Amino acid sequence: MVKMTLSTEVMRENLLTLIKKKDDIEKEISSLNEILKSQKNVGMNEPLIDKDDYPRGDIDVYKVRSARQKIICLQNDHKNLMKEIEEGLFSLHAKEKVRQETTVEAVDLDNFQGMNQLKPFVKIDRVDTGSPSHTAELKVGDLVIRFGSITKSNFRNIKDIGELVQNSVGKTIVVEVMRDSKLLSLSLKPQSWSGQGVLGCSIVPIK
């Protein structure tokens, strides 16, 4: 095997670092969402004043405002990281293509640590109008590379997603999808709606 060039190694290490940062941000957002849930489940949009325009006395208003502000900042950081990961992934694949075209043995991306986190394992087959999935802007044909804590590396069958969803009703799940060769990060909140289930979509494994 031809030895990997330094530039390829650097590209891989940079991509791994970005993935680690992304995972850390998602964990922090999840922790902050738990704080909001502990405060009467106020979420990001519930009012913090009562009918008389006084700060609500049933919650810690300062704690809620602080958590909300941090979540907004982290979501912006997450969005920027997703863009960097997308660009890094594109560059790495481009590098592989060049190696193939020059008959040099290509970098084995399948064995690249962390690459399984960027491979789709299920796809969105149906999205019902007005459902939580519709609100989260999921679309038919989206290729899912992360559904909460589930990635290709730990996905066994569709029941894994069902169990995660049932344990996450009322909570926000980060869903990362590949759409038109772009990586998107969406926020999905399983909950009751006018239709059946708590998602309002059909998810099928990729064969």
N, C-alpha and C. Protein backbone atom coordinates (compact mmCIF):
# COMPACT_ATOMS: atom_id res chain seq x y z
N MET A 1 0.84 -1.19 0.00
CA MET A 1 0.00 0.00 0.00
C MET A 1 0.89 1.25 0.00
N VAL A 2 0.48 2.22 -0.80
CA VAL A 2 1.22 3.48 -0.84
C VAL A 2 0.94 4.25 0.45
N LYS A 3 1.94 4.77 1.05
CA LYS A 3 1.79 5.49 2.30
C LYS A 3 0.97 6.75 2.11
N MET A 4 0.06 7.01 3.06
CA MET A 4 -0.79 8.19 3.00
C MET A 4 0.06 9.45 3.08
N THR A 5 -0.33 10.45 2.30
CA THR A 5 0.38 11.71 2.35
C THR A 5 -0.01 12.46 3.62
N LEU A 6 0.86 13.35 4.03
CA LEU A 6 0.61 14.12 5.24
C LEU A 6 -0.67 14.93 5.11
N SER A 7 -0.91 15.49 3.92
CA SER A 7 -2.09 16.33 3.74
C SER A 7 -3.37 15.53 3.97
N THR A 8 -3.40 14.27 3.53
CA THR A 8 -4.57 13.43 3.75
C THR A 8 -4.75 13.13 5.22
N GLU A 9 -3.64 12.84 5.91
CA GLU A 9 -3.71 12.57 7.35
C GLU A 9 -4.26 13.78 8.10
N VAL A 10 -3.79 14.95 7.72
CA VAL A 10 -4.25 16.18 8.37
C VAL A 10 -5.74 16.39 8.12
N MET A 11 -6.16 16.13 6.88
CA MET A 11 -7.58 16.28 6.56
C MET A 11 -8.43 15.34 7.40
N ARG A 12 -7.98 14.12 7.58
CA ARG A 12 -8.72 13.14 8.37
C ARG A 12 -8.77 13.55 9.84
N GLU A 13 -7.64 13.98 10.37
CA GLU A 13 -7.59 14.38 11.77
C GLU A 13 -8.47 15.61 12.02
N ASN A 14 -8.45 16.55 11.09
CA ASN A 14 -9.28 17.74 11.22
C ASN A 14 -10.77 17.38 11.23
N LEU A 15 -11.13 16.42 10.35
CA LEU A 15 -12.52 16.00 10.27
C LEU A 15 -12.96 15.31 11.56
N LEU A 16 -12.08 14.47 12.10
CA LEU A 16 -12.38 13.79 13.36
C LEU A 16 -12.56 14.80 14.50
N THR A 17 -11.71 15.83 14.51
CA THR A 17 -11.80 16.86 15.54
C THR A 17 -13.13 17.60 15.44
N LEU A 18 -13.55 17.90 14.21
CA LEU A 18 -14.83 18.59 14.01
C LEU A 18 -15.99 17.72 14.47
N ILE A 19 -15.93 16.43 14.17
CA ILE A 19 -17.00 15.52 14.58
C ILE A 19 -17.08 15.46 16.11
N LYS A 20 -15.92 15.43 16.75
CA LYS A 20 -15.89 15.40 18.23
C LYS A 20 -16.50 16.68 18.80
N LYS A 21 -16.16 17.82 18.22
CA LYS A 21 -16.73 19.08 18.68
C LYS A 21 -18.24 19.09 18.49
N LYS A 22 -18.70 18.57 17.37
CA LYS A 22 -20.13 18.52 17.08
C LYS A 22 -20.85 17.67 18.13
N ASP A 23 -20.27 16.52 18.44
CA ASP A 23 -20.88 15.63 19.43
C ASP A 23 -20.94 16.30 20.81
N ASP A 24 -19.87 17.02 21.16
CA ASP A 24 -19.82 17.70 22.45
C ASP A 24 -20.90 18.79 22.53
N ILE A 25 -21.08 19.52 21.44
CA ILE A 25 -22.09 20.56 21.41
C ILE A 25 -23.48 19.96 21.56
N GLU A 26 -23.73 18.85 20.88
CA GLU A 26 -25.04 18.19 20.97
C GLU A 26 -25.32 17.73 22.40
N LYS A 27 -24.30 17.23 23.09
CA LYS A 27 -24.47 16.79 24.48
C LYS A 27 -24.79 18.00 25.37
N GLU A 28 -24.12 19.11 25.12
CA GLU A 28 -24.36 20.30 25.94
C GLU A 28 -25.75 20.86 25.69
N ILE A 29 -26.19 20.86 24.43
CA ILE A 29 -27.55 21.32 24.11
C ILE A 29 -28.58 20.43 24.80
N SER A 30 -28.32 19.13 24.79
CA SER A 30 -29.23 18.18 25.43
C SER A 30 -29.33 18.46 26.93
N SER A 31 -28.20 18.77 27.57
CA SER A 31 -28.19 19.07 29.00
C SER A 31 -28.96 20.36 29.29
N LEU A 32 -28.81 21.34 28.43
CA LEU A 32 -29.52 22.61 28.61
C LEU A 32 -31.02 22.43 28.40
N ASN A 33 -31.39 21.56 27.47
CA ASN A 33 -32.81 21.27 27.26
C ASN A 33 -33.42 20.61 28.48
N GLU A 34 -32.61 19.81 29.18
CA GLU A 34 -33.08 19.18 30.41
C GLU A 34 -33.35 20.22 31.48
N ILE A 35 -32.53 21.29 31.49
CA ILE A 35 -32.76 22.38 32.44
C ILE A 35 -34.10 23.05 32.15
N LEU A 36 -34.38 23.30 30.87
CA LEU A 36 -35.66 23.91 30.50
C LEU A 36 -36.82 23.00 30.87
N LYS A 37 -36.61 21.71 30.67
CA LYS A 37 -37.67 20.76 31.02
C LYS A 37 -37.95 20.78 32.52
N SER A 38 -36.89 20.94 33.31
CA SER A 38 -37.06 20.95 34.77
C SER A 38 -37.80 22.20 35.25
N GLN A 39 -37.83 23.23 34.40
CA GLN A 39 -38.52 24.48 34.74
C GLN A 39 -39.90 24.50 34.06
N LYS A 40 -40.74 23.57 34.48
CA LYS A 40 -42.10 23.47 33.95
C LYS A 40 -42.13 23.24 32.44
N ASN A 41 -41.04 22.66 31.93
CA ASN A 41 -40.96 22.34 30.50
C ASN A 41 -41.23 23.58 29.63
N VAL A 42 -40.58 24.70 29.97
CA VAL A 42 -40.87 25.96 29.27
C VAL A 42 -40.39 25.97 27.82
N GLY A 43 -39.40 25.15 27.50
CA GLY A 43 -38.90 25.13 26.14
C GLY A 43 -38.25 26.45 25.76
N MET A 44 -38.16 26.70 24.46
CA MET A 44 -37.49 27.91 23.97
C MET A 44 -38.44 29.08 23.75
N ASN A 45 -39.75 28.82 23.77
CA ASN A 45 -40.68 29.88 23.38
C ASN A 45 -41.76 30.21 24.40
N GLU A 46 -41.87 29.41 25.46
CA GLU A 46 -42.91 29.68 26.45
C GLU A 46 -42.65 31.03 27.13
N PRO A 47 -43.71 31.80 27.42
CA PRO A 47 -43.54 33.12 28.06
C PRO A 47 -42.95 33.00 29.46
N LEU A 48 -42.17 34.02 29.83
CA LEU A 48 -41.54 34.04 31.15
C LEU A 48 -42.19 35.05 32.07
N ILE A 49 -43.28 35.65 31.61
CA ILE A 49 -44.02 36.60 32.44
C ILE A 49 -45.45 36.10 32.61
N ASP A 50 -46.10 36.52 33.68
CA ASP A 50 -47.48 36.08 33.92
C ASP A 50 -48.46 37.04 33.25
N LYS A 51 -49.74 36.83 33.49
CA LYS A 51 -50.77 37.64 32.84
C LYS A 51 -50.72 39.10 33.26
N ASP A 52 -50.06 39.38 34.38
CA ASP A 52 -49.92 40.76 34.85
C ASP A 52 -48.58 41.37 34.46
N ASP A 53 -47.88 40.68 33.57
CA ASP A 53 -46.58 41.16 33.06
C ASP A 53 -45.48 41.16 34.12
N TYR A 54 -45.62 40.31 35.13
CA TYR A 54 -44.57 40.13 36.13
C TYR A 54 -43.81 38.84 35.82
N PRO A 55 -42.52 38.77 36.18
CA PRO A 55 -41.76 37.52 35.97
C PRO A 55 -42.48 36.37 36.67
N ARG A 56 -42.57 35.26 35.99
CA ARG A 56 -43.24 34.10 36.55
C ARG A 56 -42.57 33.67 37.87
N GLY A 57 -43.39 33.32 38.85
CA GLY A 57 -42.86 32.92 40.14
C GLY A 57 -42.71 31.42 40.29
N ASP A 58 -43.20 30.68 39.29
CA ASP A 58 -43.14 29.22 39.39
C ASP A 58 -41.90 28.63 38.75
N ILE A 59 -41.06 29.48 38.18
CA ILE A 59 -39.83 29.00 37.55
C ILE A 59 -38.69 29.95 37.88
N ASP A 60 -37.47 29.47 37.64
CA ASP A 60 -36.28 30.30 37.80
C ASP A 60 -36.04 31.02 36.47
N VAL A 61 -36.56 32.22 36.36
CA VAL A 61 -36.50 32.96 35.10
C VAL A 61 -35.07 33.18 34.62
N TYR A 62 -34.19 33.52 35.55
CA TYR A 62 -32.79 33.76 35.18
C TYR A 62 -32.17 32.50 34.59
N LYS A 63 -32.42 31.35 35.23
CA LYS A 63 -31.86 30.09 34.76
C LYS A 63 -32.38 29.75 33.36
N VAL A 64 -33.68 30.00 33.14
CA VAL A 64 -34.28 29.71 31.83
C VAL A 64 -33.68 30.61 30.75
N ARG A 65 -33.58 31.90 31.05
CA ARG A 65 -33.02 32.84 30.07
C ARG A 65 -31.58 32.48 29.72
N SER A 66 -30.81 32.12 30.76
CA SER A 66 -29.40 31.75 30.55
C SER A 66 -29.30 30.51 29.68
N ALA A 67 -30.14 29.49 29.96
CA ALA A 67 -30.11 28.25 29.19
C ALA A 67 -30.52 28.51 27.74
N ARG A 68 -31.54 29.32 27.55
CA ARG A 68 -32.00 29.64 26.20
C ARG A 68 -30.90 30.33 25.39
N GLN A 69 -30.25 31.30 26.02
CA GLN A 69 -29.19 32.04 25.32
C GLN A 69 -28.05 31.12 24.93
N LYS A 70 -27.67 30.22 25.85
CA LYS A 70 -26.59 29.29 25.55
C LYS A 70 -26.98 28.35 24.41
N ILE A 71 -28.24 27.89 24.42
CA ILE A 71 -28.71 26.98 23.36
C ILE A 71 -28.63 27.67 22.01
N ILE A 72 -29.07 28.93 21.95
CA ILE A 72 -29.03 29.67 20.68
C ILE A 72 -27.60 29.79 20.17
N CYS A 73 -26.67 30.12 21.06
CA CYS A 73 -25.26 30.24 20.66
C CYS A 73 -24.71 28.90 20.19
N LEU A 74 -25.03 27.84 20.93
CA LEU A 74 -24.54 26.50 20.58
C LEU A 74 -25.14 26.02 19.26
N GLN A 75 -26.39 26.35 19.01
CA GLN A 75 -27.02 25.96 17.75
C GLN A 75 -26.34 26.63 16.57
N ASN A 76 -25.94 27.89 16.76
CA ASN A 76 -25.19 28.60 15.71
C ASN A 76 -23.83 27.95 15.49
N ASP A 77 -23.16 27.59 16.60
CA ASP A 77 -21.87 26.90 16.49
C ASP A 77 -22.04 25.56 15.78
N HIS A 78 -23.11 24.86 16.12
CA HIS A 78 -23.39 23.54 15.53
C HIS A 78 -23.60 23.68 14.02
N LYS A 79 -24.34 24.70 13.63
CA LYS A 79 -24.61 24.94 12.21
C LYS A 79 -23.31 25.18 11.45
N ASN A 80 -22.42 25.98 12.03
CA ASN A 80 -21.14 26.26 11.39
C ASN A 80 -20.27 25.01 11.31
N LEU A 81 -20.30 24.19 12.38
CA LEU A 81 -19.52 22.96 12.37
C LEU A 81 -20.03 21.99 11.31
N MET A 82 -21.34 21.90 11.16
CA MET A 82 -21.92 21.02 10.14
C MET A 82 -21.44 21.43 8.75
N LYS A 83 -21.33 22.74 8.54
CA LYS A 83 -20.85 23.23 7.25
C LYS A 83 -19.38 22.85 7.05
N GLU A 84 -18.58 22.99 8.10
CA GLU A 84 -17.17 22.62 8.02
C GLU A 84 -17.00 21.13 7.77
N ILE A 85 -17.83 20.32 8.45
CA ILE A 85 -17.76 18.87 8.26
C ILE A 85 -18.13 18.51 6.83
N GLU A 86 -19.16 19.16 6.33
CA GLU A 86 -19.58 18.91 4.95
C GLU A 86 -18.44 19.22 3.97
N GLU A 87 -17.79 20.37 4.18
CA GLU A 87 -16.69 20.76 3.30
C GLU A 87 -15.50 19.80 3.45
N GLY A 88 -15.22 19.39 4.70
CA GLY A 88 -14.12 18.45 4.93
C GLY A 88 -14.39 17.11 4.32
N LEU A 89 -15.62 16.64 4.42
CA LEU A 89 -16.01 15.36 3.83
C LEU A 89 -15.89 15.41 2.32
N PHE A 90 -16.33 16.51 1.74
CA PHE A 90 -16.24 16.68 0.29
C PHE A 90 -14.78 16.65 -0.16
N SER A 91 -13.91 17.34 0.58
CA SER A 91 -12.49 17.39 0.23
C SER A 91 -11.84 16.02 0.33
N LEU A 92 -12.23 15.27 1.37
CA LEU A 92 -11.65 13.94 1.56
C LEU A 92 -12.07 12.99 0.45
N HIS A 93 -13.33 13.08 0.06
CA HIS A 93 -13.81 12.24 -1.04
C HIS A 93 -13.14 12.65 -2.36
N ALA A 94 -12.93 13.96 -2.52
CA ALA A 94 -12.26 14.45 -3.72
C ALA A 94 -10.84 13.91 -3.78
N LYS A 95 -10.20 13.86 -2.61
CA LYS A 95 -8.84 13.33 -2.52
C LYS A 95 -8.81 11.86 -2.93
N GLU A 96 -9.82 11.13 -2.47
CA GLU A 96 -9.91 9.71 -2.82
C GLU A 96 -10.09 9.55 -4.33
N LYS A 97 -10.93 10.39 -4.92
CA LYS A 97 -11.18 10.29 -6.35
C LYS A 97 -9.91 10.53 -7.15
N VAL A 98 -9.13 11.53 -6.73
CA VAL A 98 -7.87 11.82 -7.42
C VAL A 98 -6.94 10.63 -7.35
N ARG A 99 -6.87 9.98 -6.17
CA ARG A 99 -6.01 8.82 -6.01
C ARG A 99 -6.45 7.69 -6.93
N GLN A 100 -7.76 7.50 -7.04
CA GLN A 100 -8.27 6.44 -7.90
C GLN A 100 -7.93 6.72 -9.36
N GLU A 101 -8.08 7.97 -9.76
CA GLU A 101 -7.83 8.34 -11.15
C GLU A 101 -6.36 8.25 -11.51
N THR A 102 -5.49 8.36 -10.50
CA THR A 102 -4.05 8.27 -10.77
C THR A 102 -3.52 6.87 -10.45
N THR A 103 -4.45 5.92 -10.26
CA THR A 103 -4.16 4.50 -10.03
C THR A 103 -3.40 4.25 -8.74
N VAL A 104 -3.34 5.25 -7.87
CA VAL A 104 -2.72 5.05 -6.56
C VAL A 104 -3.79 4.51 -5.64
N GLU A 105 -3.43 3.58 -4.78
CA GLU A 105 -4.42 2.98 -3.91
C GLU A 105 -5.10 4.04 -3.07
N ALA A 106 -6.43 4.02 -3.05
CA ALA A 106 -7.21 5.07 -2.40
C ALA A 106 -7.23 4.88 -0.89
N VAL A 107 -7.48 5.99 -0.21
CA VAL A 107 -7.67 5.93 1.23
C VAL A 107 -8.95 5.15 1.49
N ASP A 108 -8.91 4.20 2.38
CA ASP A 108 -10.09 3.39 2.68
C ASP A 108 -10.99 4.15 3.64
N LEU A 109 -11.96 4.89 3.08
CA LEU A 109 -12.83 5.70 3.90
C LEU A 109 -13.75 4.85 4.76
N ASP A 110 -14.01 3.61 4.35
CA ASP A 110 -14.87 2.73 5.13
C ASP A 110 -14.25 2.41 6.48
N ASN A 111 -12.91 2.42 6.53
CA ASN A 111 -12.21 2.10 7.77
C ASN A 111 -11.73 3.35 8.50
N PHE A 112 -12.15 4.48 8.03
CA PHE A 112 -11.79 5.75 8.65
C PHE A 112 -12.60 5.91 9.94
N GLN A 113 -11.88 5.95 11.08
CA GLN A 113 -12.55 6.10 12.36
C GLN A 113 -13.44 7.33 12.35
N GLY A 114 -14.69 7.14 12.71
CA GLY A 114 -15.64 8.25 12.75
C GLY A 114 -16.43 8.38 11.47
N MET A 115 -16.00 7.70 10.37
CA MET A 115 -16.70 7.86 9.11
C MET A 115 -18.09 7.23 9.16
N ASN A 116 -18.26 6.17 9.98
CA ASN A 116 -19.58 5.56 10.10
C ASN A 116 -20.60 6.54 10.65
N GLN A 117 -20.12 7.56 11.35
CA GLN A 117 -21.03 8.57 11.85
C GLN A 117 -21.58 9.44 10.73
N LEU A 118 -20.97 9.37 9.57
CA LEU A 118 -21.39 10.20 8.45
C LEU A 118 -21.99 9.38 7.31
N LYS A 119 -22.34 8.12 7.60
CA LYS A 119 -22.95 7.26 6.59
C LYS A 119 -24.43 7.08 6.92
N PRO A 120 -25.31 7.24 5.92
CA PRO A 120 -26.74 7.05 6.17
C PRO A 120 -27.08 5.60 6.42
N PHE A 121 -28.07 5.38 7.28
CA PHE A 121 -28.49 4.01 7.60
C PHE A 121 -30.00 3.81 7.47
N VAL A 122 -30.75 4.91 7.48
CA VAL A 122 -32.18 4.86 7.22
C VAL A 122 -32.55 6.08 6.38
N LYS A 123 -33.73 6.03 5.77
CA LYS A 123 -34.18 7.18 5.00
C LYS A 123 -35.64 7.49 5.33
N ILE A 124 -36.02 8.73 5.07
CA ILE A 124 -37.38 9.17 5.32
C ILE A 124 -38.23 8.81 4.10
N ASP A 125 -39.27 8.02 4.35
CA ASP A 125 -40.09 7.50 3.26
C ASP A 125 -41.42 8.23 3.12
N ARG A 126 -41.86 8.88 4.21
CA ARG A 126 -43.13 9.61 4.19
C ARG A 126 -43.11 10.66 5.28
N VAL A 127 -43.66 11.84 4.99
CA VAL A 127 -43.79 12.90 5.99
C VAL A 127 -45.21 13.44 5.91
N ASP A 128 -45.94 13.37 7.01
CA ASP A 128 -47.32 13.84 7.04
C ASP A 128 -47.38 15.34 7.32
N THR A 129 -48.21 16.03 6.57
CA THR A 129 -48.37 17.47 6.74
C THR A 129 -48.90 17.80 8.14
N GLY A 130 -48.27 18.77 8.79
CA GLY A 130 -48.71 19.19 10.11
C GLY A 130 -48.15 18.36 11.25
N SER A 131 -47.36 17.34 10.92
CA SER A 131 -46.80 16.46 11.94
C SER A 131 -45.52 17.05 12.55
N PRO A 132 -45.04 16.48 13.66
CA PRO A 132 -43.76 16.92 14.22
C PRO A 132 -42.62 16.81 13.22
N SER A 133 -42.64 15.77 12.38
CA SER A 133 -41.59 15.62 11.37
C SER A 133 -41.67 16.72 10.33
N HIS A 134 -42.91 17.11 9.98
CA HIS A 134 -43.10 18.21 9.03
C HIS A 134 -42.61 19.51 9.63
N THR A 135 -42.92 19.73 10.91
CA THR A 135 -42.47 20.94 11.60
C THR A 135 -40.95 21.00 11.66
N ALA A 136 -40.31 19.82 11.81
CA ALA A 136 -38.83 19.76 11.88
C ALA A 136 -38.19 19.91 10.51
N GLU A 137 -39.03 19.99 9.46
CA GLU A 137 -38.58 20.17 8.08
C GLU A 137 -37.88 18.94 7.50
N LEU A 138 -38.25 17.76 8.01
CA LEU A 138 -37.80 16.53 7.37
C LEU A 138 -38.52 16.40 6.04
N LYS A 139 -37.84 15.80 5.05
CA LYS A 139 -38.44 15.64 3.73
C LYS A 139 -38.27 14.21 3.24
N VAL A 140 -39.21 13.79 2.40
CA VAL A 140 -39.12 12.45 1.82
C VAL A 140 -37.82 12.33 1.03
N GLY A 141 -37.10 11.26 1.24
CA GLY A 141 -35.84 11.06 0.55
C GLY A 141 -34.62 11.45 1.36
N ASP A 142 -34.83 12.13 2.50
CA ASP A 142 -33.70 12.48 3.36
C ASP A 142 -32.99 11.21 3.83
N LEU A 143 -31.68 11.21 3.75
CA LEU A 143 -30.88 10.08 4.21
C LEU A 143 -30.35 10.41 5.60
N VAL A 144 -30.74 9.63 6.58
CA VAL A 144 -30.41 9.93 7.97
C VAL A 144 -29.05 9.36 8.34
N ILE A 145 -28.14 10.24 8.82
CA ILE A 145 -26.82 9.79 9.26
C ILE A 145 -26.71 9.79 10.79
N ARG A 146 -27.66 10.47 11.45
CA ARG A 146 -27.72 10.44 12.91
C ARG A 146 -29.16 10.70 13.34
N PHE A 147 -29.65 9.84 14.22
CA PHE A 147 -30.99 10.04 14.79
C PHE A 147 -30.81 10.00 16.30
N GLY A 148 -30.65 11.17 16.89
CA GLY A 148 -30.34 11.23 18.31
C GLY A 148 -28.99 10.60 18.57
N SER A 149 -28.95 9.55 19.38
CA SER A 149 -27.70 8.86 19.70
C SER A 149 -27.39 7.72 18.74
N ILE A 150 -28.26 7.50 17.75
CA ILE A 150 -28.10 6.37 16.84
C ILE A 150 -27.39 6.78 15.55
N THR A 151 -26.33 6.04 15.21
CA THR A 151 -25.64 6.22 13.94
C THR A 151 -25.49 4.85 13.30
N LYS A 152 -24.88 4.81 12.14
CA LYS A 152 -24.70 3.54 11.44
C LYS A 152 -23.91 2.54 12.28
N SER A 153 -22.99 3.06 13.10
CA SER A 153 -22.12 2.18 13.87
C SER A 153 -22.85 1.40 14.96
N ASN A 154 -23.98 1.93 15.46
CA ASN A 154 -24.69 1.21 16.53
C ASN A 154 -26.13 0.85 16.16
N PHE A 155 -26.52 1.13 14.92
CA PHE A 155 -27.89 0.81 14.47
C PHE A 155 -28.02 -0.68 14.19
N ARG A 156 -29.06 -1.30 14.76
CA ARG A 156 -29.32 -2.72 14.52
C ARG A 156 -30.57 -2.92 13.65
N ASN A 157 -31.66 -2.32 14.06
CA ASN A 157 -32.89 -2.40 13.28
C ASN A 157 -33.78 -1.20 13.63
N ILE A 158 -34.91 -1.12 12.93
CA ILE A 158 -35.77 0.05 13.06
C ILE A 158 -36.36 0.18 14.46
N LYS A 159 -36.37 -0.94 15.22
CA LYS A 159 -36.88 -0.89 16.59
C LYS A 159 -36.03 0.01 17.47
N ASP A 160 -34.74 0.13 17.14
CA ASP A 160 -33.85 1.02 17.91
C ASP A 160 -34.40 2.45 17.90
N ILE A 161 -34.82 2.89 16.71
CA ILE A 161 -35.35 4.24 16.57
C ILE A 161 -36.68 4.36 17.30
N GLY A 162 -37.52 3.31 17.20
CA GLY A 162 -38.80 3.33 17.88
C GLY A 162 -38.65 3.48 19.38
N GLU A 163 -37.70 2.76 19.96
CA GLU A 163 -37.47 2.84 21.40
C GLU A 163 -36.95 4.22 21.80
N LEU A 164 -36.04 4.76 21.00
CA LEU A 164 -35.50 6.08 21.31
C LEU A 164 -36.61 7.14 21.26
N VAL A 165 -37.48 7.03 20.25
CA VAL A 165 -38.58 7.99 20.10
C VAL A 165 -39.52 7.91 21.30
N GLN A 166 -39.89 6.71 21.71
CA GLN A 166 -40.81 6.55 22.84
C GLN A 166 -40.22 7.10 24.13
N ASN A 167 -38.92 7.06 24.26
CA ASN A 167 -38.25 7.59 25.45
C ASN A 167 -37.93 9.07 25.33
N SER A 168 -38.30 9.67 24.20
CA SER A 168 -37.95 11.08 23.97
C SER A 168 -39.17 11.94 23.68
N VAL A 169 -40.37 11.45 24.01
CA VAL A 169 -41.58 12.24 23.78
C VAL A 169 -41.50 13.55 24.58
N GLY A 170 -41.68 14.65 23.88
CA GLY A 170 -41.60 15.96 24.52
C GLY A 170 -40.20 16.53 24.57
N LYS A 171 -39.22 15.73 24.13
CA LYS A 171 -37.83 16.19 24.12
C LYS A 171 -37.37 16.42 22.68
N THR A 172 -36.34 17.22 22.52
CA THR A 172 -35.81 17.49 21.19
C THR A 172 -34.74 16.46 20.81
N ILE A 173 -34.91 15.88 19.63
CA ILE A 173 -33.93 14.93 19.10
C ILE A 173 -33.21 15.60 17.93
N VAL A 174 -31.90 15.58 17.95
CA VAL A 174 -31.13 16.10 16.83
C VAL A 174 -31.08 15.03 15.73
N VAL A 175 -31.56 15.38 14.55
CA VAL A 175 -31.55 14.46 13.42
C VAL A 175 -30.70 15.08 12.31
N GLU A 176 -29.65 14.38 11.94
CA GLU A 176 -28.77 14.86 10.88
C GLU A 176 -29.04 14.05 9.62
N VAL A 177 -29.25 14.76 8.52
CA VAL A 177 -29.60 14.10 7.27
C VAL A 177 -28.72 14.58 6.13
N MET A 178 -28.63 13.74 5.12
CA MET A 178 -27.96 14.11 3.88
C MET A 178 -29.06 14.39 2.86
N ARG A 179 -29.06 15.61 2.31
CA ARG A 179 -30.07 16.00 1.33
C ARG A 179 -29.40 16.78 0.20
N ASP A 180 -29.53 16.27 -1.00
CA ASP A 180 -28.91 16.93 -2.16
C ASP A 180 -27.41 17.15 -1.92
N SER A 181 -26.75 16.12 -1.38
CA SER A 181 -25.30 16.15 -1.13
C SER A 181 -24.90 17.16 -0.05
N LYS A 182 -25.86 17.61 0.76
CA LYS A 182 -25.55 18.54 1.84
C LYS A 182 -25.94 17.92 3.18
N LEU A 183 -25.16 18.24 4.22
CA LEU A 183 -25.46 17.78 5.56
C LEU A 183 -26.34 18.82 6.26
N LEU A 184 -27.46 18.36 6.81
CA LEU A 184 -28.37 19.25 7.53
C LEU A 184 -28.62 18.73 8.93
N SER A 185 -28.72 19.62 9.88
CA SER A 185 -29.03 19.25 11.26
C SER A 185 -30.41 19.80 11.60
N LEU A 186 -31.35 18.91 11.94
CA LEU A 186 -32.72 19.31 12.22
C LEU A 186 -33.10 18.94 13.65
N SER A 187 -34.04 19.68 14.21
CA SER A 187 -34.51 19.43 15.58
C SER A 187 -35.92 18.84 15.51
N LEU A 188 -36.05 17.60 15.96
CA LEU A 188 -37.32 16.88 15.91
C LEU A 188 -37.82 16.64 17.34
N LYS A 189 -39.07 17.02 17.60
CA LYS A 189 -39.65 16.86 18.93
C LYS A 189 -40.85 15.93 18.85
N PRO A 190 -40.69 14.65 19.19
CA PRO A 190 -41.81 13.70 19.17
C PRO A 190 -42.90 14.15 20.14
N GLN A 191 -44.13 14.22 19.66
CA GLN A 191 -45.24 14.63 20.52
C GLN A 191 -46.57 14.31 19.85
N SER A 192 -47.62 14.31 20.64
CA SER A 192 -48.94 14.04 20.10
C SER A 192 -49.36 15.16 19.15
N TRP A 193 -50.05 14.81 18.11
CA TRP A 193 -50.57 15.80 17.15
C TRP A 193 -51.90 15.27 16.63
N SER A 194 -52.45 15.87 15.61
CA SER A 194 -53.78 15.47 15.13
C SER A 194 -53.78 14.13 14.41
N GLY A 195 -52.59 13.66 14.01
CA GLY A 195 -52.50 12.38 13.31
C GLY A 195 -52.04 11.26 14.23
N GLN A 196 -51.64 10.16 13.63
CA GLN A 196 -51.21 8.99 14.40
C GLN A 196 -49.74 9.10 14.80
N GLY A 197 -49.42 8.44 15.93
CA GLY A 197 -48.03 8.41 16.37
C GLY A 197 -47.56 9.73 16.92
N VAL A 198 -46.25 9.82 17.15
CA VAL A 198 -45.67 11.05 17.70
C VAL A 198 -44.64 11.68 16.76
N LEU A 199 -44.46 11.06 15.58
CA LEU A 199 -43.54 11.61 14.58
C LEU A 199 -44.25 12.08 13.32
N GLY A 200 -45.16 11.24 12.84
CA GLY A 200 -45.84 11.59 11.59
C GLY A 200 -44.98 11.39 10.37
N CYS A 201 -44.19 10.35 10.40
CA CYS A 201 -43.36 10.05 9.24
C CYS A 201 -43.08 8.55 9.19
N SER A 202 -42.57 8.09 8.07
CA SER A 202 -42.18 6.70 7.91
C SER A 202 -40.68 6.65 7.68
N ILE A 203 -40.00 5.80 8.46
CA ILE A 203 -38.55 5.65 8.37
C ILE A 203 -38.23 4.22 7.98
N VAL A 204 -37.44 4.04 6.94
CA VAL A 204 -37.12 2.69 6.49
C VAL A 204 -35.60 2.50 6.42
N PRO A 205 -35.12 1.30 6.71
CA PRO A 205 -33.68 1.03 6.63
C PRO A 205 -33.18 1.13 5.20
N ILE A 206 -31.93 1.51 5.05
CA ILE A 206 -31.29 1.52 3.74
C ILE A 206 -30.64 0.17 3.52
N LYS A 207 -31.02 -0.49 2.45
CA LYS A 207 -30.48 -1.82 2.17
C LYS A 207 -29.10 -1.72 1.52
